[in-house]
Amino acid sequence: MNSKFKLTENSKVHIHNAPDTFSLKDITSASTKPFERVIAFVFSIEELTSYLQYCIDEQLVTEQGYLF
């Protein structure tokens, strides 16, 4: 899974709303923004648009970062 998200041990990652069974090997969620990768688990279009707007407003993702 780490290669799918292009993650390394030094990546600044934020995981939003992850299920209890989700984990990435050797990767922990960073606590300070901005993040290089944001992995968001959403369950509706409304939740997706709301979280996307939040990411934009709070500048959560670096300029060359990814939101999955």
Protein backbone atom coordinates (compact mmCIF):
# COMPACT_ATOMS: atom_id res chain seq x y z
CA MET A 1 0.00 0.00 0.00
CA ASN A 2 2.90 2.36 0.73
CA SER A 3 4.06 2.27 -2.90
CA LYS A 4 0.52 2.95 -4.13
CA PHE A 5 0.46 6.19 -2.11
CA LYS A 6 4.15 6.94 -2.93
CA LEU A 7 5.03 6.97 0.76
CA THR A 8 8.43 6.81 2.39
CA GLU A 9 9.32 6.72 6.07
CA ASN A 10 9.95 10.49 5.95
CA SER A 11 6.64 11.43 4.27
CA LYS A 12 4.40 13.84 6.17
CA VAL A 13 1.07 12.02 6.04
CA HIS A 14 -2.34 12.84 7.47
CA ILE A 15 -5.02 10.14 7.59
CA HIS A 16 -8.59 11.39 7.98
CA ASN A 17 -11.46 9.23 9.23
CA ALA A 18 -9.59 5.92 8.81
CA PRO A 19 -11.34 2.67 9.71
CA ASP A 20 -9.92 0.78 12.69
CA THR A 21 -8.55 -1.92 10.40
CA PHE A 22 -6.53 0.51 8.23
CA SER A 23 -2.78 0.80 8.72
CA LEU A 24 0.26 1.64 6.65
CA LYS A 25 3.45 -0.26 7.34
CA ASP A 26 6.04 1.93 9.12
CA ILE A 27 4.05 5.13 8.44
CA THR A 28 2.47 7.25 11.16
CA SER A 29 0.20 10.25 10.80
CA ALA A 30 2.03 13.58 11.18
CA SER A 31 0.65 16.21 13.51
CA THR A 32 1.75 19.44 11.84
CA LYS A 33 0.50 20.80 8.53
CA PRO A 34 1.04 21.09 5.63
CA PHE A 35 1.19 17.43 4.65
CA GLU A 36 2.75 15.79 1.59
CA ARG A 37 -0.03 13.21 1.48
CA VAL A 38 -3.57 13.35 2.85
CA ILE A 39 -5.53 10.10 2.79
CA ALA A 40 -9.22 10.74 3.43
CA PHE A 41 -11.90 8.15 3.95
CA VAL A 42 -15.28 9.64 3.03
CA PHE A 43 -18.63 7.96 2.52
CA SER A 44 -20.66 10.49 0.56
CA ILE A 45 -20.20 13.18 -2.06
CA GLU A 46 -21.25 15.81 0.49
CA GLU A 47 -18.57 14.64 2.93
CA LEU A 48 -15.99 14.66 0.12
CA THR A 49 -16.80 18.21 -0.96
CA SER A 50 -16.86 19.41 2.63
CA TYR A 51 -13.47 17.85 3.44
CA LEU A 52 -11.96 19.08 0.17
CA GLN A 53 -13.02 22.64 1.00
CA TYR A 54 -11.58 22.21 4.50
CA CYS A 55 -8.24 21.07 3.00
CA ILE A 56 -8.18 24.15 0.76
CA ASP A 57 -9.15 26.58 3.53
CA GLU A 58 -6.64 25.16 6.03
CA GLN A 59 -3.91 24.62 3.40
CA LEU A 60 -3.42 21.05 4.54
CA VAL A 61 -1.60 19.80 1.43
CA THR A 62 1.78 21.03 0.21
CA GLU A 63 1.95 22.52 -3.27
CA GLN A 64 3.28 19.26 -4.76
CA GLY A 65 1.28 17.05 -2.36
CA TYR A 66 -1.50 14.56 -2.99
CA LEU A 67 -5.01 14.13 -1.62
CA PHE A 68 -6.27 10.55 -1.89
